[in-house]
Amino acid sequence: MRAIKILDNMLWGSITLLVSSFYIYGSNIYGKYLMMILTFIVAVLCVLRYGKKINLHLTSFHLSIFVFATFCLISTWWSPTTQLTLDKAITIFQILVCMSVVYIYADHQNSTLPLLDTIRWAGYIMTIYLFAVYGWSELNILLQAGMRIDSELINSNVIGMIVAFSIVLTLYKIIFFKFSVWHLFVIPEFVILSISSSKKAFFILLLGAMSVIAMKYRKENMFKKLIAVLLALFLGVFFLFLVWNLPFFTGLKNRLELFLNFFTGQGMIDISTLTRNYMVRIGIAEFLNNPLLGLGIGSSSEITLKSLGWATYLHNNYIELLACGGIVGTIIYYFMFLYPGLQLLRKGYNKDKNTLICLILLLLWLITDWGVVSYYYKQTYFFILLFFMQAKLVQKEANQNV
């Protein structure tokens, strides 16, 4: 029994390091080798832990990713950037192999809580990593000056988003389980969130925290539900007040003001918001030219090079997929969210609290996809794995009740 517990802990720890590497080394050319090593370690530990009960089998999760990867590969036939499209297809096939290994572990769990804890700890590890690399003195300078953390290897939005998800899940653990000393990592996480100055991270934290508070009283009487809604709204207003009034959040406040000015038509508007809005327009125009299959996965650089003068992606997952994958590619990809999402939505009020938190995370992911291209991120498919596993557990419980 002790050996089994040790293997379980080693498995969870290895998967947590693997997911953390998706964020920390996702843009590092050598990062893929670390991920390959960690995936191999997880595979070996799975064999040692489960032996003949490893239970390898194909599921809708595997097939969904395979179909999307295959579509990406087929789109090389009409893509003007064949090599870029091929690279995207190969990346997603590699992610499928990696996630298939992680799936073995997830499939043997009676709860998705270990997977949720992995995301929470990935935020802690990101925070530890940045404090170790930059040091408190340099981070404090950024914090005092209201400057955004600038790293060639890790995108500021990527930093902010994993930290925001981690804070939301820490709040979830504190409210629905019990407080742990490890939850104190949330304090330095707020420092990292502030210097990331990520608008997407801000919305994840704001909407996520409000939703977790509202979850607490979901099965209570109408009066307590009303109190929960008012408490969630108060939390949201209080957080907005802190962001707008504390020097701690100066950088984030400035970026939010410039962003909101775009909608109000008053004050200065940052170039980033204007550029991204223009990208949406040129992406939609390209989609209308090739509505069924798109230009070819990963070919958005052709669109931006002609319209903006430099090659980049469209900074919007929906527009990126519509322009490069058309209706077919977009439907294939978002099926991976729609299929488990509908099951979680139908069973949102079952006794498993993880169902609602997974549904919240899924909705938050779909919201943030408006401002980031995430279809080839490795961490995206870990979240998809989480949603499929929770949907499977919900269905299993429903079958047992019947």
Protein backbone atom coordinates (compact mmCIF):
# COMPACT_ATOMS: atom_id res chain seq x y z
CA MET A 1 0.00 0.00 0.00
CA ARG A 2 2.85 2.37 0.81
CA ALA A 3 4.49 1.69 -2.56
CA ILE A 4 1.19 2.44 -4.32
CA LYS A 5 0.83 5.72 -2.45
CA ILE A 6 4.39 6.70 -3.37
CA LEU A 7 3.73 5.90 -7.04
CA ASP A 8 0.47 7.89 -6.93
CA ASN A 9 2.31 10.91 -5.52
CA MET A 10 5.11 10.55 -8.06
CA LEU A 11 2.57 10.34 -10.88
CA TRP A 12 0.69 13.43 -9.76
CA GLY A 13 3.94 15.33 -9.21
CA SER A 14 5.29 14.39 -12.64
CA ILE A 15 2.05 15.45 -14.36
CA THR A 16 2.07 18.73 -12.43
CA LEU A 17 5.63 19.42 -13.58
CA LEU A 18 4.60 18.49 -17.13
CA VAL A 19 1.70 20.95 -17.13
CA SER A 20 3.91 23.62 -15.55
CA SER A 21 6.46 23.10 -18.34
CA PHE A 22 3.70 23.84 -20.88
CA TYR A 23 3.53 27.35 -19.46
CA ILE A 24 7.16 27.98 -18.50
CA TYR A 25 8.91 26.38 -21.49
CA GLY A 26 6.13 26.46 -24.09
CA SER A 27 8.06 28.91 -26.31
CA ASN A 28 11.53 27.53 -25.56
CA ILE A 29 13.04 25.55 -28.43
CA TYR A 30 14.48 23.10 -25.91
CA GLY A 31 11.28 22.94 -23.89
CA LYS A 32 9.85 20.16 -26.05
CA TYR A 33 12.66 17.86 -24.94
CA LEU A 34 11.82 18.45 -21.28
CA MET A 35 8.16 17.71 -22.06
CA MET A 36 9.15 14.52 -23.88
CA ILE A 37 11.22 13.38 -20.89
CA LEU A 38 8.40 14.16 -18.44
CA THR A 39 5.86 12.39 -20.67
CA PHE A 40 8.12 9.33 -20.76
CA ILE A 41 8.45 9.42 -16.95
CA VAL A 42 4.66 9.59 -16.58
CA ALA A 43 4.28 6.63 -19.00
CA VAL A 44 6.80 4.51 -17.02
CA LEU A 45 5.13 5.40 -13.72
CA CYS A 46 1.72 4.45 -15.17
CA VAL A 47 3.07 1.02 -16.14
CA LEU A 48 4.58 0.53 -12.68
CA ARG A 49 1.45 1.75 -10.90
CA TYR A 50 -1.31 0.06 -12.92
CA GLY A 51 0.45 -2.90 -14.56
CA LYS A 52 -2.01 -5.13 -16.38
CA LYS A 53 -4.86 -2.87 -15.28
CA ILE A 54 -3.52 0.02 -17.33
CA ASN A 55 -6.66 -0.25 -19.51
CA LEU A 56 -5.60 1.36 -22.78
CA HIS A 57 -8.60 2.33 -24.91
CA LEU A 58 -9.78 4.97 -27.35
CA THR A 59 -12.39 7.46 -26.23
CA SER A 60 -14.21 10.46 -27.66
CA PHE A 61 -11.40 12.57 -26.16
CA HIS A 62 -8.73 10.85 -28.24
CA LEU A 63 -10.84 10.78 -31.38
CA SER A 64 -11.73 14.48 -31.11
CA ILE A 65 -8.09 15.56 -31.00
CA PHE A 66 -7.16 13.06 -33.72
CA VAL A 67 -9.86 14.39 -36.06
CA PHE A 68 -8.73 17.97 -35.52
CA ALA A 69 -5.06 17.09 -36.01
CA THR A 70 -5.99 15.21 -39.19
CA PHE A 71 -7.92 18.23 -40.47
CA CYS A 72 -4.85 20.40 -39.82
CA LEU A 73 -2.73 17.91 -41.77
CA ILE A 74 -5.17 17.75 -44.71
CA SER A 75 -5.29 21.57 -44.84
CA THR A 76 -1.66 21.52 -46.04
CA TRP A 77 -3.15 20.67 -49.48
CA TRP A 78 -4.60 24.16 -49.92
CA SER A 79 -2.50 26.18 -47.47
CA PRO A 80 -0.20 28.89 -48.89
CA THR A 81 2.17 28.26 -45.97
CA THR A 82 2.51 24.48 -46.19
CA GLN A 83 5.36 24.17 -43.71
CA LEU A 84 3.64 26.28 -41.04
CA THR A 85 0.45 24.25 -41.45
CA LEU A 86 2.40 20.99 -41.26
CA ASP A 87 4.15 22.21 -38.10
CA LYS A 88 0.79 22.92 -36.46
CA ALA A 89 -0.52 19.47 -37.44
CA ILE A 90 2.60 17.73 -36.09
CA THR A 91 2.36 19.74 -32.85
CA ILE A 92 -1.24 18.65 -32.26
CA PHE A 93 -0.41 15.01 -33.03
CA GLN A 94 2.41 15.25 -30.48
CA ILE A 95 0.02 16.78 -27.96
CA LEU A 96 -2.35 13.86 -28.57
CA VAL A 97 0.42 11.39 -27.65
CA CYS A 98 1.31 13.39 -24.54
CA MET A 99 -2.31 13.76 -23.38
CA SER A 100 -3.00 10.08 -24.08
CA VAL A 101 -0.34 9.23 -21.51
CA VAL A 102 -1.82 11.67 -19.00
CA TYR A 103 -5.27 10.23 -19.74
CA ILE A 104 -4.16 6.85 -18.37
CA TYR A 105 -3.61 8.44 -14.96
CA ALA A 106 -6.79 10.52 -15.13
CA ASP A 107 -8.87 7.51 -16.13
CA HIS A 108 -7.92 5.68 -12.93
CA GLN A 109 -9.09 8.51 -10.65
CA ASN A 110 -12.49 8.68 -9.00
CA SER A 111 -12.40 12.47 -9.06
CA THR A 112 -11.00 15.27 -11.20
CA LEU A 113 -9.71 17.02 -8.08
CA PRO A 114 -6.11 15.85 -8.71
CA LEU A 115 -6.28 17.44 -12.19
CA LEU A 116 -7.70 20.65 -10.72
CA ASP A 117 -4.89 20.64 -8.16
CA THR A 118 -2.41 20.26 -10.99
CA ILE A 119 -3.65 23.52 -12.54
CA ARG A 120 -3.57 25.22 -9.14
CA TRP A 121 0.00 24.10 -8.51
CA ALA A 122 1.08 25.06 -12.02
CA GLY A 123 0.27 28.64 -10.98
CA TYR A 124 2.28 28.25 -7.77
CA ILE A 125 5.24 26.82 -9.70
CA MET A 126 5.07 29.64 -12.25
CA THR A 127 5.20 32.12 -9.36
CA ILE A 128 8.16 30.35 -7.72
CA TYR A 129 9.95 30.23 -11.08
CA LEU A 130 9.53 33.96 -11.77
CA PHE A 131 10.64 34.92 -8.25
CA ALA A 132 13.71 32.68 -8.67
CA VAL A 133 14.59 34.06 -12.13
CA TYR A 134 13.90 37.77 -11.53
CA GLY A 135 14.28 38.05 -7.78
CA TRP A 136 12.09 40.15 -5.50
CA SER A 137 14.08 43.35 -6.06
CA GLU A 138 13.51 43.37 -9.83
CA LEU A 139 9.88 42.31 -9.50
CA ASN A 140 9.35 45.06 -6.93
CA ILE A 141 10.77 47.66 -9.35
CA LEU A 142 8.25 46.51 -11.99
CA LEU A 143 5.48 46.59 -9.39
CA GLN A 144 6.32 50.09 -8.14
CA ALA A 145 6.69 51.48 -11.66
CA GLY A 146 3.46 49.88 -12.88
CA MET A 147 5.45 48.17 -15.63
CA ARG A 148 4.57 44.90 -17.33
CA ILE A 149 6.82 41.87 -16.97
CA ASP A 150 8.68 41.39 -20.25
CA SER A 151 9.98 37.94 -21.12
CA GLU A 152 11.03 36.64 -24.50
CA LEU A 153 10.31 33.09 -23.39
CA ILE A 154 6.98 33.44 -21.57
CA ASN A 155 4.15 35.63 -22.82
CA SER A 156 2.75 37.98 -20.16
CA ASN A 157 -0.80 36.82 -20.92
CA VAL A 158 0.24 33.19 -20.47
CA ILE A 159 1.75 34.09 -17.08
CA GLY A 160 -1.31 36.04 -16.00
CA MET A 161 -3.83 33.43 -17.13
CA ILE A 162 -2.32 30.43 -15.30
CA VAL A 163 -1.89 32.52 -12.14
CA ALA A 164 -5.50 33.73 -12.37
CA PHE A 165 -6.81 30.18 -12.84
CA SER A 166 -4.67 29.10 -9.89
CA ILE A 167 -6.08 31.84 -7.63
CA VAL A 168 -9.66 30.91 -8.59
CA LEU A 169 -8.97 27.23 -7.82
CA THR A 170 -7.30 28.17 -4.52
CA LEU A 171 -10.46 30.04 -3.55
CA TYR A 172 -12.47 26.96 -4.56
CA LYS A 173 -10.34 24.69 -2.36
CA ILE A 174 -10.58 27.04 0.64
CA ILE A 175 -14.36 27.45 0.39
CA PHE A 176 -15.36 23.86 -0.40
CA PHE A 177 -12.61 21.85 1.27
CA LYS A 178 -10.20 23.04 3.95
CA PHE A 179 -7.48 25.62 4.24
CA SER A 180 -3.90 24.51 3.74
CA VAL A 181 -0.68 26.38 4.37
CA TRP A 182 0.12 25.83 0.67
CA HIS A 183 -2.75 28.18 -0.18
CA LEU A 184 -0.57 31.06 1.05
CA PHE A 185 1.15 30.90 -2.34
CA VAL A 186 -1.83 32.95 -3.51
CA ILE A 187 -0.21 36.04 -1.94
CA PRO A 188 2.85 36.17 -4.25
CA GLU A 189 0.55 35.10 -7.09
CA PHE A 190 -1.20 38.47 -6.83
CA VAL A 191 2.19 40.14 -7.32
CA ILE A 192 2.76 38.14 -10.53
CA LEU A 193 -0.81 38.83 -11.68
CA SER A 194 -0.27 42.56 -11.22
CA ILE A 195 2.99 42.78 -13.17
CA SER A 196 1.60 40.57 -15.92
CA SER A 197 -0.95 43.39 -16.51
CA SER A 198 -3.04 40.85 -18.42
CA LYS A 199 -6.61 41.91 -19.18
CA LYS A 200 -7.55 38.28 -19.81
CA ALA A 201 -6.17 37.28 -16.41
CA PHE A 202 -8.19 40.08 -14.81
CA PHE A 203 -11.45 38.80 -16.31
CA ILE A 204 -10.61 35.19 -15.38
CA LEU A 205 -10.04 36.20 -11.76
CA LEU A 206 -13.03 38.55 -11.56
CA LEU A 207 -15.61 36.23 -13.16
CA GLY A 208 -14.08 33.06 -11.70
CA ALA A 209 -14.03 34.32 -8.11
CA MET A 210 -17.59 35.64 -8.37
CA SER A 211 -18.77 32.29 -9.78
CA VAL A 212 -17.08 30.28 -7.02
CA ILE A 213 -18.73 32.44 -4.35
CA ALA A 214 -22.12 31.96 -6.05
CA MET A 215 -21.49 28.17 -6.16
CA LYS A 216 -21.38 27.96 -2.40
CA TYR A 217 -25.11 28.44 -1.99
CA ARG A 218 -26.38 26.87 -5.20
CA LYS A 219 -28.54 24.31 -3.37
CA GLU A 220 -29.84 26.61 -0.64
CA ASN A 221 -33.20 28.37 -0.45
CA MET A 222 -34.02 31.40 -2.55
CA PHE A 223 -33.02 33.86 0.18
CA LYS A 224 -29.56 32.37 0.59
CA LYS A 225 -29.13 32.21 -3.19
CA LEU A 226 -29.94 35.92 -3.36
CA ILE A 227 -27.41 36.60 -0.60
CA ALA A 228 -24.82 34.57 -2.56
CA VAL A 229 -25.44 36.59 -5.74
CA LEU A 230 -25.18 39.87 -3.81
CA LEU A 231 -21.98 38.64 -2.12
CA ALA A 232 -20.51 37.68 -5.50
CA LEU A 233 -21.40 41.11 -6.92
CA PHE A 234 -19.90 42.81 -3.88
CA LEU A 235 -16.70 40.81 -4.33
CA GLY A 236 -16.53 41.88 -7.97
CA VAL A 237 -17.10 45.56 -7.15
CA PHE A 238 -14.57 45.40 -4.31
CA PHE A 239 -11.92 43.88 -6.60
CA LEU A 240 -12.59 46.56 -9.22
CA PHE A 241 -12.20 49.18 -6.50
CA LEU A 242 -8.84 47.73 -5.48
CA VAL A 243 -7.58 47.62 -9.07
CA TRP A 244 -8.62 51.22 -9.69
CA ASN A 245 -7.28 52.66 -6.44
CA LEU A 246 -4.23 50.68 -5.31
CA PRO A 247 -0.80 51.60 -6.75
CA PHE A 248 -0.19 47.83 -6.66
CA PHE A 249 -2.39 47.46 -9.76
CA THR A 250 -1.34 50.61 -11.65
CA GLY A 251 -0.13 48.78 -14.76
CA LEU A 252 -3.25 46.64 -15.00
CA LYS A 253 -5.50 49.66 -14.38
CA ASN A 254 -3.87 51.65 -17.18
CA ARG A 255 -4.28 48.83 -19.68
CA LEU A 256 -7.91 48.29 -18.69
CA GLU A 257 -8.68 52.01 -19.05
CA LEU A 258 -7.17 52.12 -22.55
CA PHE A 259 -9.14 49.00 -23.44
CA LEU A 260 -12.45 50.40 -22.12
CA ASN A 261 -11.88 53.70 -23.93
CA PHE A 262 -12.26 51.79 -27.20
CA PHE A 263 -15.90 51.07 -26.31
CA THR A 264 -16.72 54.42 -24.74
CA GLY A 265 -15.05 56.44 -27.51
CA GLN A 266 -13.47 58.75 -24.93
CA GLY A 267 -9.83 59.18 -23.99
CA MET A 268 -6.76 57.49 -25.43
CA ILE A 269 -6.91 54.02 -26.96
CA ASP A 270 -3.89 51.72 -26.97
CA ILE A 271 -2.46 50.58 -30.28
CA SER A 272 -2.87 46.94 -29.24
CA THR A 273 -6.66 47.21 -28.99
CA LEU A 274 -6.95 49.04 -32.31
CA THR A 275 -4.66 46.52 -34.03
CA ARG A 276 -6.54 43.54 -32.67
CA ASN A 277 -9.84 45.04 -33.74
CA TYR A 278 -8.43 45.48 -37.24
CA MET A 279 -7.22 41.86 -37.15
CA VAL A 280 -10.76 40.73 -36.41
CA ARG A 281 -12.02 42.61 -39.47
CA ILE A 282 -9.40 41.24 -41.87
CA GLY A 283 -9.90 37.75 -40.40
CA ILE A 284 -13.65 37.90 -41.03
CA ALA A 285 -12.99 39.16 -44.56
CA GLU A 286 -10.72 36.16 -45.22
CA PHE A 287 -13.34 33.82 -43.76
CA LEU A 288 -15.95 35.20 -46.15
CA ASN A 289 -13.57 34.46 -49.04
CA ASN A 290 -13.07 30.85 -47.92
CA PRO A 291 -16.00 30.07 -45.59
CA LEU A 292 -15.97 26.27 -45.73
CA LEU A 293 -12.32 25.22 -45.26
CA GLY A 294 -10.45 28.48 -44.72
CA LEU A 295 -7.03 29.50 -45.94
CA GLY A 296 -5.22 26.66 -44.17
CA ILE A 297 -4.42 26.11 -40.49
CA GLY A 298 -1.57 28.34 -39.33
CA SER A 299 -1.69 30.54 -42.43
CA SER A 300 -2.85 33.74 -40.72
CA SER A 301 0.65 35.16 -41.21
CA GLU A 302 -0.21 35.50 -44.90
CA ILE A 303 -3.25 37.61 -44.03
CA THR A 304 -1.44 39.90 -41.58
CA LEU A 305 1.62 40.26 -43.81
CA LYS A 306 -0.53 41.68 -46.62
CA SER A 307 -2.70 43.88 -44.39
CA LEU A 308 -0.38 44.95 -41.57
CA GLY A 309 3.07 44.59 -43.10
CA TRP A 310 4.31 41.94 -40.67
CA ALA A 311 3.60 38.25 -40.17
CA THR A 312 1.72 37.33 -37.00
CA TYR A 313 -1.43 35.51 -35.89
CA LEU A 314 -4.85 37.09 -35.46
CA HIS A 315 -4.88 37.21 -31.62
CA ASN A 316 -8.40 35.75 -31.52
CA ASN A 317 -8.96 32.00 -31.52
CA TYR A 318 -12.43 32.18 -33.09
CA ILE A 319 -11.35 34.48 -35.92
CA GLU A 320 -8.09 32.58 -36.40
CA LEU A 321 -9.91 29.28 -36.85
CA LEU A 322 -12.64 30.74 -39.04
CA ALA A 323 -10.09 32.41 -41.31
CA CYS A 324 -7.66 29.48 -41.43
CA GLY A 325 -9.94 26.47 -40.89
CA GLY A 326 -13.29 27.74 -42.07
CA ILE A 327 -16.59 26.49 -40.69
CA VAL A 328 -15.41 22.87 -40.82
CA GLY A 329 -12.19 23.42 -38.84
CA THR A 330 -13.87 25.66 -36.28
CA ILE A 331 -16.68 23.18 -35.62
CA ILE A 332 -14.23 20.26 -35.33
CA TYR A 333 -12.12 22.17 -32.80
CA TYR A 334 -14.91 23.58 -30.64
CA PHE A 335 -16.65 20.20 -30.55
CA MET A 336 -13.96 19.36 -27.97
CA PHE A 337 -15.53 21.99 -25.71
CA LEU A 338 -19.16 21.62 -26.76
CA TYR A 339 -19.41 17.85 -26.20
CA PRO A 340 -18.27 17.74 -22.55
CA GLY A 341 -19.70 21.22 -21.90
CA LEU A 342 -23.27 20.18 -22.67
CA GLN A 343 -22.97 17.17 -20.38
CA LEU A 344 -21.57 19.31 -17.57
CA LEU A 345 -24.33 21.87 -18.10
CA ARG A 346 -27.05 19.22 -17.87
CA LYS A 347 -25.58 17.76 -14.68
CA GLY A 348 -24.30 20.99 -13.13
CA TYR A 349 -26.35 20.49 -9.97
CA ASN A 350 -25.28 16.93 -9.17
CA LYS A 351 -23.54 16.16 -5.89
CA ASP A 352 -20.04 16.36 -7.36
CA LYS A 353 -18.88 19.94 -6.74
CA ASN A 354 -16.18 19.53 -9.39
CA THR A 355 -18.83 19.52 -12.11
CA LEU A 356 -19.66 23.18 -11.58
CA ILE A 357 -16.06 24.34 -11.21
CA CYS A 358 -15.17 22.51 -14.44
CA LEU A 359 -18.11 24.19 -16.16
CA ILE A 360 -16.91 27.57 -14.87
CA LEU A 361 -13.37 26.91 -16.14
CA LEU A 362 -14.74 25.84 -19.53
CA LEU A 363 -16.80 29.03 -19.89
CA LEU A 364 -13.86 31.17 -18.79
CA TRP A 365 -11.67 29.46 -21.39
CA LEU A 366 -14.22 30.17 -24.12
CA ILE A 367 -14.43 33.81 -23.06
CA THR A 368 -10.65 34.33 -23.10
CA ASP A 369 -10.40 32.68 -26.54
CA TRP A 370 -11.67 36.00 -27.91
CA GLY A 371 -8.29 37.53 -27.06
CA VAL A 372 -5.79 34.74 -27.58
CA VAL A 373 -5.00 32.04 -30.16
CA SER A 374 -4.95 28.87 -28.07
CA TYR A 375 -5.75 25.95 -30.38
CA TYR A 376 -2.11 24.81 -30.52
CA TYR A 377 -1.29 25.43 -26.84
CA LYS A 378 -0.45 22.25 -24.97
CA GLN A 379 -2.21 23.49 -21.84
CA THR A 380 -5.43 23.88 -23.85
CA TYR A 381 -5.64 20.13 -24.30
CA PHE A 382 -4.99 19.47 -20.62
CA PHE A 383 -8.05 21.60 -19.84
CA ILE A 384 -9.99 19.68 -22.51
CA LEU A 385 -8.88 16.44 -20.85
CA LEU A 386 -10.19 17.76 -17.53
CA PHE A 387 -13.59 18.59 -19.06
CA PHE A 388 -13.91 15.19 -20.76
CA MET A 389 -12.96 13.35 -17.56
CA GLN A 390 -15.49 15.25 -15.46
CA ALA A 391 -18.18 14.62 -18.08
CA LYS A 392 -17.27 10.91 -18.00
CA LEU A 393 -17.53 10.79 -14.20
CA VAL A 394 -20.88 12.59 -14.33
CA GLN A 395 -22.20 10.10 -16.87
CA LYS A 396 -20.86 7.17 -14.85
CA GLU A 397 -22.69 8.45 -11.75
CA ALA A 398 -25.90 8.89 -13.75
CA ASN A 399 -25.68 5.29 -15.07
CA GLN A 400 -25.12 3.95 -11.53
CA ASN A 401 -28.15 5.85 -10.25
CA VAL A 402 -30.27 4.38 -13.02
